[in-house]
Amino acid sequence: CAVALFAVAMSAMTREPALRPMQFAGGRENLAVGALLVSKPELQDPNFVHTVVVLVQYNEEKGAFGLIVNRRTEAPLAKVLPHAKSGSTHLVYEGGPVQTDLLMALFRSQTKPEDSQAVTGNVYETANSEAIAKMAGASEPQLFHAYAGYCGWGEGQLENEVQAGAWMVMRPDAGVLLDDDPDSL
């Protein structure tokens, strides 16, 4: 009995962190702004292995772009954005492999701020560097995340990747987008 208890205790100590549950939405017919793309093990592109992407823009004819929400770097925002307050505790996320010199942010707001677009619920996106610097000085980490770069797909490309089984499409979840433990995703 003591051996069994020891084995259960060791198993609990070595178990990987619990993953945040997300609700499966279906296939390519559920692609829309705010949808979450979870990479499947079959997706071998090193840019997207073990990633969760939120779609920030989506249009069947024009393509899509999104941000990887679970790749936090060790780079402080003040190092990437010179006019951000140097005391900011915000770390920059790797938003994707495209245009990595572009800084964007996801943030919570009760009203739609200027120079932003709605993503889901009360979560918005902006690429306005002045607004990002201002939020960095005033926002708590669970209300604001900054991203260097983004993910982009041309017309039909994302739909084909979903059809081929590279991505699971999940329902929008505002809580996932600003989770302070990206490894839980």
Protein backbone atom coordinates (compact mmCIF):
# COMPACT_ATOMS: atom_id res chain seq x y z
CA CYS A 1 0.00 0.00 0.00
CA ALA A 2 2.85 2.40 0.87
CA VAL A 3 4.54 1.56 -2.44
CA ALA A 4 1.34 2.34 -4.35
CA LEU A 5 0.96 5.70 -2.54
CA PHE A 6 4.61 6.53 -3.30
CA ALA A 7 4.08 5.70 -6.99
CA VAL A 8 0.98 7.92 -7.15
CA ALA A 9 2.85 10.77 -5.42
CA MET A 10 5.82 10.45 -7.81
CA SER A 11 3.50 10.39 -10.79
CA ALA A 12 1.79 13.57 -9.62
CA MET A 13 5.14 15.31 -9.11
CA THR A 14 6.47 14.42 -12.57
CA ARG A 15 3.27 15.00 -14.49
CA GLU A 16 3.31 17.79 -17.07
CA PRO A 17 1.33 20.92 -16.20
CA ALA A 18 -2.40 20.66 -16.79
CA LEU A 19 -3.37 22.01 -20.17
CA ARG A 20 -6.13 24.60 -20.36
CA PRO A 21 -9.26 23.02 -21.87
CA MET A 22 -10.51 24.59 -25.10
CA GLN A 23 -13.68 23.85 -27.02
CA PHE A 24 -13.29 22.27 -30.47
CA ALA A 25 -15.21 24.23 -33.10
CA GLY A 26 -14.82 22.00 -36.13
CA GLY A 27 -13.01 22.43 -39.40
CA ARG A 28 -12.40 25.13 -41.94
CA GLU A 29 -16.03 26.29 -41.88
CA ASN A 30 -15.31 27.76 -38.42
CA LEU A 31 -12.36 29.91 -39.49
CA ALA A 32 -13.12 33.49 -38.41
CA VAL A 33 -11.59 36.39 -36.52
CA GLY A 34 -10.97 35.23 -32.95
CA ALA A 35 -10.81 31.52 -33.77
CA LEU A 36 -7.92 29.64 -32.21
CA LEU A 37 -5.73 27.37 -34.32
CA VAL A 38 -4.01 24.59 -32.40
CA SER A 39 -1.21 22.90 -34.30
CA LYS A 40 -1.47 19.15 -34.60
CA PRO A 41 1.57 16.88 -34.21
CA GLU A 42 1.51 16.29 -37.98
CA LEU A 43 2.41 19.95 -38.56
CA GLN A 44 6.18 19.75 -38.96
CA ASP A 45 6.88 23.40 -39.85
CA PRO A 46 9.29 24.52 -37.08
CA ASN A 47 7.60 27.92 -37.03
CA PHE A 48 4.36 26.35 -35.80
CA VAL A 49 5.22 23.20 -33.83
CA HIS A 50 3.24 23.21 -30.53
CA THR A 51 1.59 26.55 -31.20
CA VAL A 52 -1.76 28.17 -30.53
CA VAL A 53 -2.61 30.98 -32.98
CA VAL A 54 -5.46 33.47 -32.73
CA LEU A 55 -6.83 34.72 -36.03
CA VAL A 56 -6.77 38.52 -35.96
CA GLN A 57 -7.97 38.95 -39.54
CA TYR A 58 -9.69 36.44 -41.77
CA ASN A 59 -11.12 36.70 -45.28
CA GLU A 60 -11.53 33.73 -47.63
CA GLU A 61 -10.58 35.82 -50.67
CA LYS A 62 -7.70 37.79 -49.13
CA GLY A 63 -6.22 35.31 -46.65
CA ALA A 64 -5.61 35.52 -42.92
CA PHE A 65 -3.20 36.67 -40.30
CA GLY A 66 -2.84 35.77 -36.67
CA LEU A 67 -0.60 35.81 -33.63
CA ILE A 68 1.04 32.91 -31.82
CA VAL A 69 -0.21 33.31 -28.24
CA ASN A 70 1.90 30.72 -26.46
CA ARG A 71 5.51 31.68 -27.28
CA ARG A 72 6.63 34.16 -24.66
CA THR A 73 10.23 35.32 -25.01
CA GLU A 74 12.60 36.60 -22.33
CA ALA A 75 12.86 40.00 -24.03
CA PRO A 76 11.32 42.85 -22.03
CA LEU A 77 9.10 45.21 -23.98
CA ALA A 78 11.28 48.19 -23.01
CA LYS A 79 14.14 46.63 -25.01
CA VAL A 80 12.01 46.20 -28.14
CA LEU A 81 10.01 49.43 -27.92
CA PRO A 82 12.35 52.27 -26.90
CA HIS A 83 9.64 54.66 -25.70
CA ALA A 84 8.00 52.07 -23.41
CA LYS A 85 8.54 52.63 -19.73
CA SER A 86 11.76 50.88 -18.72
CA GLY A 87 10.14 49.52 -15.55
CA SER A 88 7.54 47.61 -17.54
CA THR A 89 7.35 43.94 -16.55
CA HIS A 90 5.82 42.92 -19.85
CA LEU A 91 7.69 40.33 -21.90
CA VAL A 92 7.34 40.20 -25.67
CA TYR A 93 5.78 37.19 -27.36
CA GLU A 94 6.91 35.73 -30.67
CA GLY A 95 3.82 36.49 -32.75
CA GLY A 96 5.03 34.64 -35.81
CA PRO A 97 7.73 34.37 -38.45
CA VAL A 98 6.49 37.20 -40.71
CA GLN A 99 7.79 40.77 -40.33
CA THR A 100 9.36 40.21 -36.91
CA ASP A 101 10.26 43.90 -36.65
CA LEU A 102 6.54 44.77 -36.43
CA LEU A 103 5.13 45.06 -32.91
CA MET A 104 1.46 44.39 -32.22
CA ALA A 105 -0.55 43.93 -29.05
CA LEU A 106 -3.63 42.14 -27.78
CA PHE A 107 -5.36 43.85 -24.86
CA ARG A 108 -8.61 44.00 -22.90
CA SER A 109 -10.80 47.08 -23.01
CA GLN A 110 -14.44 47.77 -22.18
CA THR A 111 -14.70 50.06 -25.23
CA LYS A 112 -13.07 49.84 -28.67
CA PRO A 113 -10.05 52.15 -28.63
CA GLU A 114 -8.97 54.14 -31.67
CA ASP A 115 -6.53 52.36 -34.02
CA SER A 116 -7.65 48.91 -32.87
CA GLN A 117 -9.83 46.09 -34.08
CA ALA A 118 -11.99 43.65 -32.15
CA VAL A 119 -10.70 40.08 -31.91
CA THR A 120 -13.18 38.44 -29.53
CA GLY A 121 -15.21 39.58 -26.56
CA ASN A 122 -13.45 42.53 -24.95
CA VAL A 123 -10.06 41.69 -26.53
CA TYR A 124 -8.68 43.99 -29.21
CA GLU A 125 -5.55 44.17 -31.39
CA THR A 126 -3.43 47.18 -32.31
CA ALA A 127 -0.17 47.88 -34.11
CA ASN A 128 -0.03 51.51 -32.92
CA SER A 129 3.36 51.77 -31.15
CA GLU A 130 2.34 54.81 -29.10
CA ALA A 131 -0.76 53.03 -27.82
CA ILE A 132 1.33 49.93 -27.06
CA ALA A 133 3.89 51.96 -25.10
CA LYS A 134 1.10 53.67 -23.14
CA MET A 135 -0.61 50.36 -22.31
CA ALA A 136 2.69 48.79 -21.29
CA GLY A 137 3.09 51.39 -18.58
CA ALA A 138 -0.47 51.14 -17.32
CA SER A 139 -1.69 47.58 -17.87
CA GLU A 140 -1.31 44.45 -15.82
CA PRO A 141 0.19 41.49 -17.72
CA GLN A 142 -3.17 39.69 -17.84
CA LEU A 143 -4.69 42.68 -19.66
CA PHE A 144 -2.03 43.19 -22.32
CA HIS A 145 0.48 41.16 -24.39
CA ALA A 146 2.91 42.48 -27.03
CA TYR A 147 3.91 40.41 -30.07
CA ALA A 148 6.85 40.70 -32.47
CA GLY A 149 5.84 39.48 -35.90
CA TYR A 150 2.76 37.62 -37.06
CA CYS A 151 1.56 34.56 -38.99
CA GLY A 152 0.19 35.05 -42.48
CA TRP A 153 -1.65 32.93 -45.02
CA GLY A 154 -2.56 33.76 -48.60
CA GLU A 155 -5.90 33.06 -50.25
CA GLY A 156 -6.93 29.44 -49.62
CA GLN A 157 -3.69 28.52 -47.86
CA LEU A 158 -5.05 28.28 -44.31
CA GLU A 159 -8.18 26.47 -45.46
CA ASN A 160 -5.98 23.88 -47.21
CA GLU A 161 -3.82 23.44 -44.09
CA VAL A 162 -6.92 22.87 -41.92
CA GLN A 163 -8.33 20.44 -44.51
CA ALA A 164 -4.99 18.56 -44.55
CA GLY A 165 -5.15 18.14 -40.76
CA ALA A 166 -2.38 20.54 -39.72
CA TRP A 167 -4.63 22.63 -37.43
CA MET A 168 -7.56 22.10 -35.09
CA VAL A 169 -9.95 25.06 -35.10
CA MET A 170 -11.13 26.01 -31.62
CA ARG A 171 -13.83 28.43 -30.51
CA PRO A 172 -12.72 31.95 -29.57
CA ASP A 173 -11.74 32.20 -25.91
CA ALA A 174 -10.75 35.64 -24.59
CA GLY A 175 -9.26 34.02 -21.47
CA VAL A 176 -6.80 32.00 -23.54
CA LEU A 177 -5.53 35.03 -25.41
CA LEU A 178 -4.13 36.81 -22.37
CA ASP A 179 -3.31 33.79 -20.23
CA ASP A 180 -0.33 34.53 -17.99
CA ASP A 181 0.90 30.92 -18.33
CA PRO A 182 1.34 30.35 -22.07
CA ASP A 183 2.73 26.86 -21.49
CA SER A 184 -0.71 25.80 -20.21
CA LEU A 185 -2.14 26.32 -23.68
